[in-house]
């Protein structure tokens, strides 16, 4: 299951965060999430970038997008995080 959080500013949705547990199927889930998000960049390049510990920052239409992996206390990969922010509202906050 995914942990989905919605963030509001002045009663308007400005950010969605999806966190997905990677405990048993990390590569397939990462690939599906990136594929469904609508990125125009090569998915393999995005996956390589985030698996190297970087946040991938992109944009889709009027939205700012971050994709990154988080680790647990033992430094094992734990979750993939997908954050979609509506830029016109983010600029006001």
Protein backbone atom coordinates (compact mmCIF):
# COMPACT_ATOMS: atom_id res chain seq x y z
CA UNK A 1 0.00 0.00 0.00
CA UNK A 2 1.03 3.57 -0.60
CA UNK A 3 1.04 6.45 1.86
CA UNK A 4 -0.58 9.37 0.00
CA UNK A 5 -0.58 12.84 1.54
CA UNK A 6 -2.33 15.94 0.25
CA UNK A 7 -1.21 19.44 1.24
CA UNK A 8 -3.42 22.52 1.03
CA UNK A 9 -2.79 26.26 1.12
CA UNK A 10 -5.75 28.67 1.30
CA UNK A 11 -8.09 25.72 0.65
CA UNK A 12 -6.24 24.83 -2.56
CA UNK A 13 -4.30 21.65 -3.21
CA UNK A 14 -0.65 22.55 -3.79
CA UNK A 15 1.25 19.30 -3.19
CA UNK A 16 0.75 15.55 -3.29
CA UNK A 17 3.27 13.12 -1.87
CA UNK A 18 3.16 9.39 -2.60
CA UNK A 19 5.41 7.12 -0.56
CA UNK A 20 5.64 3.49 -1.59
CA UNK A 21 7.33 0.73 0.39
CA UNK A 22 10.05 -1.01 -1.61
CA UNK A 23 10.69 -3.92 0.74
CA UNK A 24 10.11 -6.71 -1.76
CA UNK A 25 9.73 -5.25 -5.24
CA UNK A 26 11.72 -2.05 -5.60
CA UNK A 27 12.66 -2.04 -9.29
CA UNK A 28 9.20 -2.86 -10.60
CA UNK A 29 7.49 -0.28 -8.37
CA UNK A 30 10.02 2.45 -9.20
CA UNK A 31 9.59 1.79 -12.90
CA UNK A 32 5.78 1.79 -12.71
CA UNK A 33 5.60 5.00 -10.69
CA UNK A 34 7.95 6.83 -13.03
CA UNK A 35 6.16 5.46 -16.10
CA UNK A 36 2.71 6.51 -14.85
CA UNK A 37 3.89 9.96 -13.77
CA UNK A 38 4.36 11.18 -17.35
CA UNK A 39 8.06 12.07 -17.36
CA UNK A 40 9.46 12.63 -20.82
CA UNK A 41 13.00 11.75 -19.73
CA UNK A 42 14.23 8.16 -20.09
CA UNK A 43 13.00 6.16 -17.07
CA UNK A 44 16.29 4.27 -16.83
CA UNK A 45 18.19 7.56 -16.43
CA UNK A 46 15.81 8.70 -13.66
CA UNK A 47 16.08 5.33 -11.86
CA UNK A 48 19.89 5.39 -12.09
CA UNK A 49 19.98 8.94 -10.72
CA UNK A 50 17.78 8.21 -7.71
CA UNK A 51 19.48 4.88 -6.98
CA UNK A 52 22.73 6.86 -6.74
CA UNK A 53 21.16 8.80 -3.86
CA UNK A 54 20.06 11.88 -5.78
CA UNK A 55 16.66 13.50 -5.95
CA UNK A 56 15.38 13.72 -9.48
CA UNK A 57 13.72 17.08 -10.07
CA UNK A 58 11.61 17.49 -13.16
CA UNK A 59 8.48 19.19 -14.34
CA UNK A 60 5.21 18.06 -15.82
CA UNK A 61 3.03 20.84 -17.21
CA UNK A 62 2.70 23.44 -14.42
CA UNK A 63 4.03 21.09 -11.75
CA UNK A 64 7.37 20.57 -10.05
CA UNK A 65 8.17 16.91 -9.48
CA UNK A 66 10.66 15.22 -7.16
CA UNK A 67 11.38 11.51 -7.13
CA UNK A 68 13.76 10.04 -4.59
CA UNK A 69 14.51 6.97 -2.51
CA UNK A 70 14.64 7.04 1.26
CA UNK A 71 16.51 4.66 3.52
CA UNK A 72 15.77 3.17 6.92
CA UNK A 73 18.06 3.39 9.96
CA UNK A 74 20.26 0.58 8.63
CA UNK A 75 20.73 2.55 5.37
CA UNK A 76 18.75 -0.02 3.40
CA UNK A 77 16.46 1.31 0.69
CA UNK A 78 13.01 1.61 2.21
CA UNK A 79 10.66 3.78 0.15
CA UNK A 80 10.29 5.57 -3.13
CA UNK A 81 8.87 9.07 -2.76
CA UNK A 82 7.06 10.90 -5.51
CA UNK A 83 6.21 14.54 -4.78
CA UNK A 84 4.12 16.61 -7.17
CA UNK A 85 3.79 20.32 -6.43
CA UNK A 86 1.67 22.89 -8.25
CA UNK A 87 4.18 25.62 -9.07
CA UNK A 88 1.88 28.68 -9.09
CA UNK A 89 0.82 27.96 -5.50
CA UNK A 90 4.26 26.84 -4.35
CA UNK A 91 5.67 30.21 -5.47
CA UNK A 92 3.21 31.96 -3.12
CA UNK A 93 4.12 29.94 -0.04
